[in-house]
N, C-alpha and C. Protein backbone atom coordinates (compact mmCIF):
# COMPACT_ATOMS: atom_id res chain seq x y z
N UNK A 1 -0.38 19.57 20.05
CA UNK A 1 0.12 20.81 18.71
C UNK A 1 0.25 21.76 19.02
N UNK A 2 -0.34 22.46 19.81
CA UNK A 2 -0.21 24.11 20.16
C UNK A 2 1.78 23.87 20.30
N UNK A 3 1.66 23.06 21.34
CA UNK A 3 2.92 23.69 21.63
C UNK A 3 4.37 23.00 20.79
N UNK A 4 3.98 22.03 19.53
CA UNK A 4 4.90 21.84 18.78
C UNK A 4 5.10 22.75 17.93
N UNK A 5 4.27 23.92 17.52
CA UNK A 5 4.29 24.99 16.85
C UNK A 5 5.96 25.95 17.38
N UNK A 6 5.98 25.88 18.50
CA UNK A 6 6.69 26.35 18.99
C UNK A 6 8.33 26.02 18.56
N UNK A 7 8.45 24.95 18.02
CA UNK A 7 9.53 23.91 18.11
C UNK A 7 10.34 24.05 16.40
N UNK A 8 8.80 25.03 15.56
CA UNK A 8 8.91 24.23 14.04
C UNK A 8 9.07 25.93 13.71
N UNK A 9 10.15 26.23 12.93
CA UNK A 9 10.55 27.46 12.57
C UNK A 9 9.28 27.71 11.16
N UNK A 10 9.05 26.79 10.74
CA UNK A 10 8.05 26.73 9.44
C UNK A 10 6.74 27.24 9.76
N UNK A 11 6.30 26.60 10.76
CA UNK A 11 5.31 26.83 11.93
C UNK A 11 5.22 28.53 12.10
N UNK A 12 6.14 28.43 12.81
CA UNK A 12 6.41 30.10 13.25
C UNK A 12 6.41 31.23 12.38
N UNK A 13 7.02 30.80 11.28
CA UNK A 13 6.87 31.64 9.85
C UNK A 13 5.21 31.91 9.70
N UNK A 14 4.27 30.68 9.49
CA UNK A 14 3.13 31.11 9.05
C UNK A 14 2.48 31.50 10.13
N UNK A 15 2.44 31.20 11.44
CA UNK A 15 1.66 32.25 12.41
C UNK A 15 2.02 33.51 12.27
N UNK A 16 3.07 34.00 12.11
CA UNK A 16 3.73 35.23 11.73
C UNK A 16 2.65 35.70 10.85
N UNK A 17 2.98 34.94 9.55
CA UNK A 17 2.21 35.41 8.57
C UNK A 17 0.88 35.57 8.40
N UNK A 18 0.18 34.64 8.95
CA UNK A 18 -1.15 34.55 9.18
C UNK A 18 -1.81 35.39 10.19
N UNK A 19 -1.04 35.95 11.09
CA UNK A 19 -1.31 36.94 12.05
C UNK A 19 -1.64 38.32 11.54
N UNK A 20 -0.88 38.25 10.70
CA UNK A 20 -0.61 39.86 10.26
C UNK A 20 -1.70 40.19 8.93
N UNK A 21 -1.83 41.47 8.87
CA UNK A 21 -2.30 41.30 7.18
C UNK A 21 -2.09 40.82 5.94
N UNK A 22 -0.72 40.60 5.68
CA UNK A 22 -0.03 40.45 5.01
C UNK A 22 -0.35 38.77 4.43
N UNK A 23 -1.60 38.21 4.97
CA UNK A 23 -1.75 37.03 4.50
C UNK A 23 -2.28 37.12 2.90
N UNK A 24 -1.72 36.40 2.05
CA UNK A 24 -1.88 36.20 0.91
C UNK A 24 -2.45 34.67 0.21
N UNK A 25 -2.42 33.74 1.36
CA UNK A 25 -2.89 33.07 0.62
C UNK A 25 -3.92 31.96 1.75
N UNK A 26 -5.69 32.06 0.89
CA UNK A 26 -6.35 31.87 1.45
C UNK A 26 -6.60 30.37 2.04
N UNK A 27 -5.50 28.88 1.67
CA UNK A 27 -5.62 28.06 2.24
C UNK A 27 -5.60 27.96 3.06
N UNK A 28 -4.62 28.92 3.70
CA UNK A 28 -4.14 28.54 5.07
C UNK A 28 -5.16 29.78 6.44
N UNK A 29 -5.35 29.00 7.77
CA UNK A 29 -6.00 29.98 8.41
C UNK A 29 -5.44 29.70 9.64
N UNK A 30 -5.54 30.78 10.71
CA UNK A 30 -4.90 30.26 12.37
C UNK A 30 -6.36 30.76 12.95
N UNK A 31 -6.49 29.68 14.11
CA UNK A 31 -7.61 30.07 14.71
C UNK A 31 -7.41 29.37 16.01
N UNK A 32 -7.46 29.59 17.49
CA UNK A 32 -7.42 28.73 18.67
C UNK A 32 -5.96 28.04 18.83
N UNK A 33 -5.24 28.83 17.94
CA UNK A 33 -4.07 27.89 18.49
C UNK A 33 -3.38 27.05 17.34
N UNK A 34 -4.24 26.96 16.80
CA UNK A 34 -3.97 25.45 15.76
C UNK A 34 -3.92 26.35 14.33
N UNK A 35 -3.01 25.86 13.10
CA UNK A 35 -2.84 26.38 11.86
C UNK A 35 -3.88 25.10 11.24
N UNK A 36 -4.59 25.42 10.26
CA UNK A 36 -5.57 24.90 9.09
C UNK A 36 -5.06 25.19 7.88
N UNK A 37 -5.04 23.97 7.30
CA UNK A 37 -4.89 23.87 5.79
C UNK A 37 -6.29 23.46 5.10
N UNK A 38 -7.11 24.85 4.37
CA UNK A 38 -7.92 24.09 4.02
C UNK A 38 -9.25 23.65 5.12
N UNK A 39 -9.04 24.20 6.11
CA UNK A 39 -9.87 23.67 7.00
C UNK A 39 -9.62 22.30 7.88
N UNK A 40 -8.40 22.01 7.58
CA UNK A 40 -7.52 20.26 7.98
C UNK A 40 -6.98 20.91 9.06
N UNK A 41 -6.11 20.35 9.93
CA UNK A 41 -5.01 20.40 11.03
C UNK A 41 -3.77 20.48 10.10
N UNK A 42 -2.94 21.54 10.51
CA UNK A 42 -1.89 21.78 9.66
C UNK A 42 -0.83 20.67 10.51
N UNK A 43 0.13 19.87 10.40
CA UNK A 43 0.81 19.54 11.51
C UNK A 43 2.32 19.68 11.02
N UNK A 44 2.83 20.29 9.70
CA UNK A 44 3.69 21.01 9.53
C UNK A 44 4.78 19.60 9.28
N UNK A 45 6.26 20.14 9.52
CA UNK A 45 7.08 19.13 9.86
C UNK A 45 7.52 18.02 11.25
N UNK A 46 6.46 18.25 12.10
CA UNK A 46 6.47 17.89 13.29
C UNK A 46 6.31 16.24 12.90
N UNK A 47 7.15 15.27 13.10
CA UNK A 47 7.48 13.97 12.77
C UNK A 47 6.74 13.16 13.88
N UNK A 48 6.86 13.51 14.77
CA UNK A 48 6.29 12.96 16.05
C UNK A 48 4.65 12.79 16.21
N UNK A 49 4.65 14.34 15.83
CA UNK A 49 3.00 14.08 15.57
C UNK A 49 1.90 13.09 14.51
N UNK A 50 3.04 13.17 13.17
CA UNK A 50 2.84 12.66 12.03
C UNK A 50 2.30 11.10 12.33
N UNK A 51 3.32 10.85 13.27
CA UNK A 51 3.46 9.49 13.41
C UNK A 51 2.21 8.80 14.43
N UNK A 52 1.68 9.76 15.53
CA UNK A 52 0.96 9.44 16.14
C UNK A 52 -0.60 9.51 15.32
N UNK A 53 -0.65 10.50 14.46
CA UNK A 53 -1.65 10.36 13.70
C UNK A 53 -1.63 8.95 12.74
N UNK A 54 -0.41 8.81 12.14
CA UNK A 54 -0.77 7.67 11.36
C UNK A 54 -0.94 6.69 12.15
N UNK A 55 -0.48 6.12 13.10
CA UNK A 55 -0.50 5.32 14.00
C UNK A 55 -2.36 4.87 14.59
N UNK A 56 -2.28 6.18 14.92
CA UNK A 56 -4.15 6.30 15.40
C UNK A 56 -5.42 5.79 15.14
N UNK A 57 -4.97 6.59 13.26
CA UNK A 57 -5.92 6.18 12.08
C UNK A 57 -5.59 4.61 11.65
N UNK A 58 -4.47 4.37 11.32
CA UNK A 58 -4.10 2.88 10.70
C UNK A 58 -4.50 1.74 11.64
N UNK A 59 -4.48 2.05 12.98
CA UNK A 59 -4.31 0.90 13.85
C UNK A 59 -5.88 0.97 14.70
N UNK A 60 -6.74 1.80 14.23
CA UNK A 60 -8.15 1.77 14.78
C UNK A 60 -8.55 1.15 14.70
N UNK A 61 -9.82 0.81 15.64
CA UNK A 61 -10.46 -0.69 15.58
C UNK A 61 -11.55 -0.67 14.48
N UNK A 62 -11.94 0.61 14.51
CA UNK A 62 -13.06 0.69 13.05
C UNK A 62 -12.17 0.99 12.13
N UNK A 63 -12.06 0.12 11.04
CA UNK A 63 -11.52 0.17 9.71
C UNK A 63 -9.86 0.57 9.90
N UNK A 64 -9.48 -0.17 10.77
CA UNK A 64 -8.12 -0.27 10.74
C UNK A 64 -7.29 -1.20 10.03
N UNK A 65 -5.95 -0.76 9.93
CA UNK A 65 -5.28 -1.85 8.80
C UNK A 65 -5.65 -1.97 7.37
N UNK A 66 -6.57 -1.13 6.82
CA UNK A 66 -7.23 -1.19 5.81
C UNK A 66 -6.58 -0.76 4.73
N UNK A 67 -5.28 -0.88 4.47
CA UNK A 67 -4.08 -0.39 3.36
C UNK A 67 -4.16 0.74 3.00
N UNK A 68 -3.18 1.53 2.13
CA UNK A 68 -2.56 2.50 1.75
C UNK A 68 -3.97 3.47 1.48
N UNK A 69 -4.65 3.15 0.20
CA UNK A 69 -5.34 4.18 -0.11
C UNK A 69 -6.67 4.55 1.19
N UNK A 70 -7.31 3.76 1.91
CA UNK A 70 -8.37 4.22 2.90
C UNK A 70 -7.69 4.67 3.96
N UNK A 71 -6.46 4.61 4.26
CA UNK A 71 -5.99 5.03 5.51
C UNK A 71 -5.37 6.82 5.23
N UNK A 72 -4.84 6.71 4.07
CA UNK A 72 -4.64 7.89 3.08
C UNK A 72 -5.97 9.05 3.42
N UNK A 73 -7.11 8.41 3.06
CA UNK A 73 -7.90 9.35 2.60
C UNK A 73 -8.88 9.58 4.12
N UNK A 74 -8.64 8.75 4.86
CA UNK A 74 -9.20 8.95 6.53
C UNK A 74 -8.45 9.80 6.82
N UNK A 75 -6.85 9.96 6.49
CA UNK A 75 -6.25 10.87 7.27
C UNK A 75 -6.54 12.27 6.70
N UNK A 76 -6.47 12.11 5.48
CA UNK A 76 -6.59 13.76 4.96
C UNK A 76 -7.98 14.50 4.62
N UNK A 77 -9.07 13.55 5.16
CA UNK A 77 -10.01 14.45 5.80
C UNK A 77 -9.72 14.81 7.42
N UNK A 78 -8.87 14.91 7.93
CA UNK A 78 -8.74 15.38 9.10
C UNK A 78 -7.27 16.33 9.12
N UNK A 79 -6.26 15.95 8.43
CA UNK A 79 -5.09 16.28 9.03
C UNK A 79 -4.51 16.75 7.64
N UNK A 80 -3.39 17.78 7.62
CA UNK A 80 -2.56 17.72 6.52
C UNK A 80 -0.57 18.28 6.53
N UNK A 81 -0.16 17.54 5.89
CA UNK A 81 1.42 18.20 6.01
C UNK A 81 1.70 17.75 4.96
N UNK A 82 3.27 18.35 4.68
CA UNK A 82 3.36 18.13 3.22
C UNK A 82 4.40 16.63 3.33
N UNK A 83 4.29 16.03 2.15
CA UNK A 83 4.57 14.56 1.98
C UNK A 83 3.71 13.20 2.54
N UNK A 84 2.13 14.18 2.53
CA UNK A 84 1.14 13.19 3.58
C UNK A 84 1.29 11.66 2.61
N UNK A 85 0.82 11.62 1.66
CA UNK A 85 0.70 10.31 0.73
C UNK A 85 2.16 9.46 0.83
N UNK A 86 3.05 9.76 0.98
CA UNK A 86 4.18 9.74 0.91
C UNK A 86 4.67 8.96 2.35
N UNK A 87 4.10 9.45 3.43
CA UNK A 87 4.61 8.85 4.84
C UNK A 87 3.36 7.72 5.14
N UNK A 88 2.37 7.88 4.19
CA UNK A 88 1.18 6.69 4.67
C UNK A 88 1.60 5.59 3.76
N UNK A 89 2.43 5.80 2.94
CA UNK A 89 2.94 4.59 1.82
C UNK A 89 3.74 3.63 2.78
N UNK A 90 4.50 4.49 3.34
CA UNK A 90 5.45 3.81 3.98
C UNK A 90 5.57 3.67 5.37
N UNK A 91 4.65 4.36 6.14
CA UNK A 91 4.07 3.42 7.07
C UNK A 91 3.22 2.03 6.98
N UNK A 92 2.65 1.99 6.09
CA UNK A 92 1.95 0.85 5.67
C UNK A 92 2.74 -0.02 5.22
N UNK A 93 3.60 0.21 4.66
CA UNK A 93 4.71 -1.18 3.95
C UNK A 93 5.35 -1.40 5.34
N UNK A 94 5.37 -0.51 6.32
CA UNK A 94 6.53 -1.09 7.53
C UNK A 94 5.47 -2.13 8.43
N UNK A 95 3.97 -1.83 8.38
CA UNK A 95 3.48 -2.01 8.99
C UNK A 95 3.35 -3.87 8.99
N UNK A 96 3.59 -5.00 10.42
CA UNK A 96 3.83 -6.03 10.54
C UNK A 96 2.44 -6.41 9.81
N UNK A 97 1.30 -6.26 11.09
CA UNK A 97 0.28 -6.48 10.46
C UNK A 97 -0.48 -6.94 9.28
N UNK A 98 -0.23 -5.33 8.11
CA UNK A 98 -0.83 -5.81 7.21
C UNK A 98 0.46 -6.79 6.44
N UNK A 99 1.70 -6.87 6.50
CA UNK A 99 2.28 -7.82 5.72
C UNK A 99 2.05 -8.95 5.69
N UNK A 100 1.78 -9.21 7.04
CA UNK A 100 1.18 -10.72 7.49
C UNK A 100 -0.01 -11.07 6.80
N UNK A 101 -0.73 -10.50 6.47
CA UNK A 101 -2.43 -10.64 6.24
C UNK A 101 -2.56 -10.05 4.80
N UNK A 102 -1.54 -9.83 4.02
CA UNK A 102 -1.85 -9.53 2.95
C UNK A 102 -2.92 -10.43 1.67
N UNK A 103 -3.84 -10.20 1.21
CA UNK A 103 -4.45 -10.61 0.11
C UNK A 103 -4.04 -11.25 -1.18
N UNK A 104 -3.89 -12.23 -2.12
CA UNK A 104 -3.08 -12.89 -2.83
C UNK A 104 -4.09 -12.40 -3.78
N UNK A 105 -3.46 -11.51 -4.97
CA UNK A 105 -4.55 -11.20 -6.38
C UNK A 105 -4.25 -12.30 -7.37
N UNK A 106 -4.04 -13.29 -7.00
CA UNK A 106 -4.15 -14.60 -8.29
C UNK A 106 -5.38 -15.37 -8.46
N UNK A 107 -5.66 -15.68 -9.48
CA UNK A 107 -7.20 -16.78 -9.92
C UNK A 107 -6.81 -17.97 -9.39
N UNK A 108 -7.96 -18.06 -8.37
CA UNK A 108 -7.90 -19.42 -7.69
C UNK A 108 -8.01 -20.68 -8.87
N UNK A 109 -7.01 -21.49 -8.54
CA UNK A 109 -7.02 -22.68 -9.30
C UNK A 109 -8.50 -23.64 -9.46
N UNK A 110 -8.53 -24.04 -10.82
CA UNK A 110 -9.46 -24.91 -11.07
C UNK A 110 -9.81 -26.47 -10.36
N UNK A 111 -10.60 -27.20 -10.71
CA UNK A 111 -10.96 -27.90 -9.92
C UNK A 111 -10.26 -29.29 -10.46
N UNK A 112 -9.34 -30.06 -9.60
CA UNK A 112 -8.52 -31.28 -10.39
C UNK A 112 -9.31 -31.81 -11.03
N UNK A 113 -8.77 -32.20 -12.50
CA UNK A 113 -9.37 -33.54 -12.94
C UNK A 113 -8.45 -34.64 -12.86
N UNK A 114 -9.08 -36.06 -12.24
CA UNK A 114 -8.28 -36.94 -12.06
C UNK A 114 -8.14 -38.18 -13.32
N UNK A 115 -7.52 -38.37 -13.69
CA UNK A 115 -7.35 -39.64 -15.06
C UNK A 115 -7.81 -40.57 -14.61
N UNK A 116 -8.52 -40.97 -15.48
CA UNK A 116 -9.37 -42.28 -15.43
C UNK A 116 -8.05 -43.40 -15.31
N UNK A 117 -8.70 -44.33 -14.23
CA UNK A 117 -7.91 -45.66 -14.35
C UNK A 117 -7.91 -46.79 -15.21
N UNK A 118 -6.37 -46.70 -15.44
CA UNK A 118 -6.50 -47.97 -16.94
C UNK A 118 -6.95 -49.50 -16.48
N UNK A 119 -7.28 -50.01 -17.57
CA UNK A 119 -7.90 -51.68 -16.95
C UNK A 119 -6.68 -52.39 -17.25
N UNK A 120 -5.40 -51.70 -17.65
CA UNK A 120 -4.11 -52.77 -17.68
C UNK A 120 -2.66 -51.91 -17.81
N UNK A 121 -1.56 -52.59 -17.04
CA UNK A 121 -0.45 -51.58 -16.90
C UNK A 121 0.03 -50.93 -18.17
N UNK A 122 0.43 -49.84 -18.23
CA UNK A 122 0.66 -49.10 -19.43
C UNK A 122 0.18 -48.91 -20.53
N UNK A 123 -1.03 -48.96 -20.33
CA UNK A 123 -2.38 -48.33 -21.43
C UNK A 123 -2.29 -47.42 -21.67
N UNK A 124 -2.07 -46.54 -20.41
CA UNK A 124 -2.07 -45.15 -20.42
C UNK A 124 -0.87 -44.37 -19.97
N UNK A 125 -0.36 -43.59 -20.59
CA UNK A 125 1.24 -42.87 -20.09
C UNK A 125 1.02 -41.60 -20.80
N UNK A 126 1.00 -40.06 -19.27
CA UNK A 126 0.77 -38.95 -19.50
C UNK A 126 2.00 -38.30 -18.97
N UNK A 127 2.17 -36.96 -19.82
CA UNK A 127 3.34 -36.10 -19.60
C UNK A 127 2.75 -34.90 -19.73
N UNK A 128 3.69 -34.24 -18.85
CA UNK A 128 3.13 -32.85 -18.90
C UNK A 128 4.24 -31.62 -19.14
N UNK A 129 4.14 -30.49 -20.07
CA UNK A 129 5.21 -29.74 -19.88
C UNK A 129 4.95 -29.12 -19.73
N UNK A 130 5.93 -27.86 -19.08
CA UNK A 130 6.21 -26.54 -18.74
C UNK A 130 6.84 -25.96 -19.12
N UNK A 131 6.31 -24.39 -19.44
CA UNK A 131 6.73 -23.39 -20.19
C UNK A 131 7.53 -22.87 -19.16
N UNK A 132 8.70 -21.78 -19.30
CA UNK A 132 9.02 -21.01 -18.69
C UNK A 132 10.60 -21.49 -17.92
N UNK A 133 10.95 -22.49 -18.36
CA UNK A 133 12.23 -23.69 -18.20
C UNK A 133 13.54 -23.25 -18.45
N UNK A 134 14.85 -22.74 -17.76
CA UNK A 134 15.73 -22.53 -18.85
C UNK A 134 15.79 -23.27 -19.61
N UNK A 135 17.34 -23.12 -20.63
CA UNK A 135 17.57 -23.55 -21.68
C UNK A 135 18.47 -24.34 -20.95
N UNK A 136 18.22 -25.86 -21.69
CA UNK A 136 19.07 -26.70 -21.58
C UNK A 136 19.76 -27.42 -22.81
N UNK A 137 20.78 -27.59 -22.93
CA UNK A 137 21.36 -28.36 -24.21
C UNK A 137 20.68 -27.38 -25.31
N UNK A 138 20.64 -25.98 -25.35
CA UNK A 138 20.26 -25.38 -26.86
C UNK A 138 18.69 -25.63 -26.71
N UNK A 139 18.26 -26.09 -25.92
CA UNK A 139 16.73 -26.07 -26.29
C UNK A 139 15.93 -25.59 -25.32
N UNK A 140 14.64 -25.10 -25.07
CA UNK A 140 13.84 -24.11 -23.86
C UNK A 140 12.72 -24.53 -24.62
N UNK A 141 11.53 -24.01 -23.61
CA UNK A 141 10.37 -24.46 -23.87
C UNK A 141 9.67 -23.81 -25.24
N UNK A 142 10.41 -23.09 -25.67
CA UNK A 142 9.57 -22.60 -27.33
C UNK A 142 9.85 -23.47 -28.29
N UNK A 143 10.95 -24.55 -27.84
CA UNK A 143 11.19 -25.53 -29.00
C UNK A 143 10.35 -26.17 -29.51
N UNK A 144 10.33 -27.03 -30.94
CA UNK A 144 9.06 -27.83 -31.11
C UNK A 144 9.17 -29.09 -29.96
N UNK A 145 10.10 -29.18 -29.67
CA UNK A 145 9.69 -30.72 -28.45
C UNK A 145 9.27 -30.08 -27.56
N UNK A 146 8.83 -28.92 -27.23
CA UNK A 146 7.87 -28.56 -25.55
C UNK A 146 6.48 -28.03 -26.27
N UNK A 147 5.76 -28.44 -25.68
CA UNK A 147 4.18 -27.86 -25.67
C UNK A 147 3.38 -27.83 -24.02
N UNK A 148 2.69 -26.60 -24.32
CA UNK A 148 2.12 -26.78 -23.10
C UNK A 148 0.65 -27.35 -23.06
N UNK A 149 0.81 -28.69 -23.09
CA UNK A 149 -0.20 -29.21 -23.21
C UNK A 149 -0.15 -30.98 -22.69
N UNK A 150 -1.12 -31.50 -22.14
CA UNK A 150 -0.74 -32.99 -21.44
C UNK A 150 -1.02 -34.02 -22.84
N UNK A 151 -0.17 -34.78 -22.74
CA UNK A 151 -0.60 -35.48 -23.73
C UNK A 151 -0.32 -37.22 -23.14
N UNK A 152 -1.54 -37.59 -23.40
CA UNK A 152 -1.53 -39.00 -22.97
C UNK A 152 -1.53 -39.94 -23.88
N UNK A 153 -0.61 -41.09 -24.02
CA UNK A 153 -0.98 -42.15 -25.16
C UNK A 153 -1.27 -43.59 -24.86
């Protein structure tokens, strides 16, 4: 990380400012060759370092692949850089493992209820009316002919 500051003009400017007595921002500090923002390691615009941190924390064995919020809060405890939250969102959205094991957020269907077996042919006729279909010959599911119920005769 220390070597990457040499290639980053923003980091060089921060280091000069922090080493001089003109430091007016108490959020930043410089010690042991690392820039810190509120006690967290500041990565600046170093895309390679950001990617390594994202990859290491998101794909770790302990709590890895745990989504945007968990990854963001874990990184936020140790590191800081401009656009951190957006970088985490983008990284997790591109993670193939996370996309393959997404949890469905829909209600589980209830138990199916079988129809009673009739004792003679054509004694019971059932029709299911479904809503949300496109219009057909001026009729749609909101017409008086369509219902969201099962009708048995």
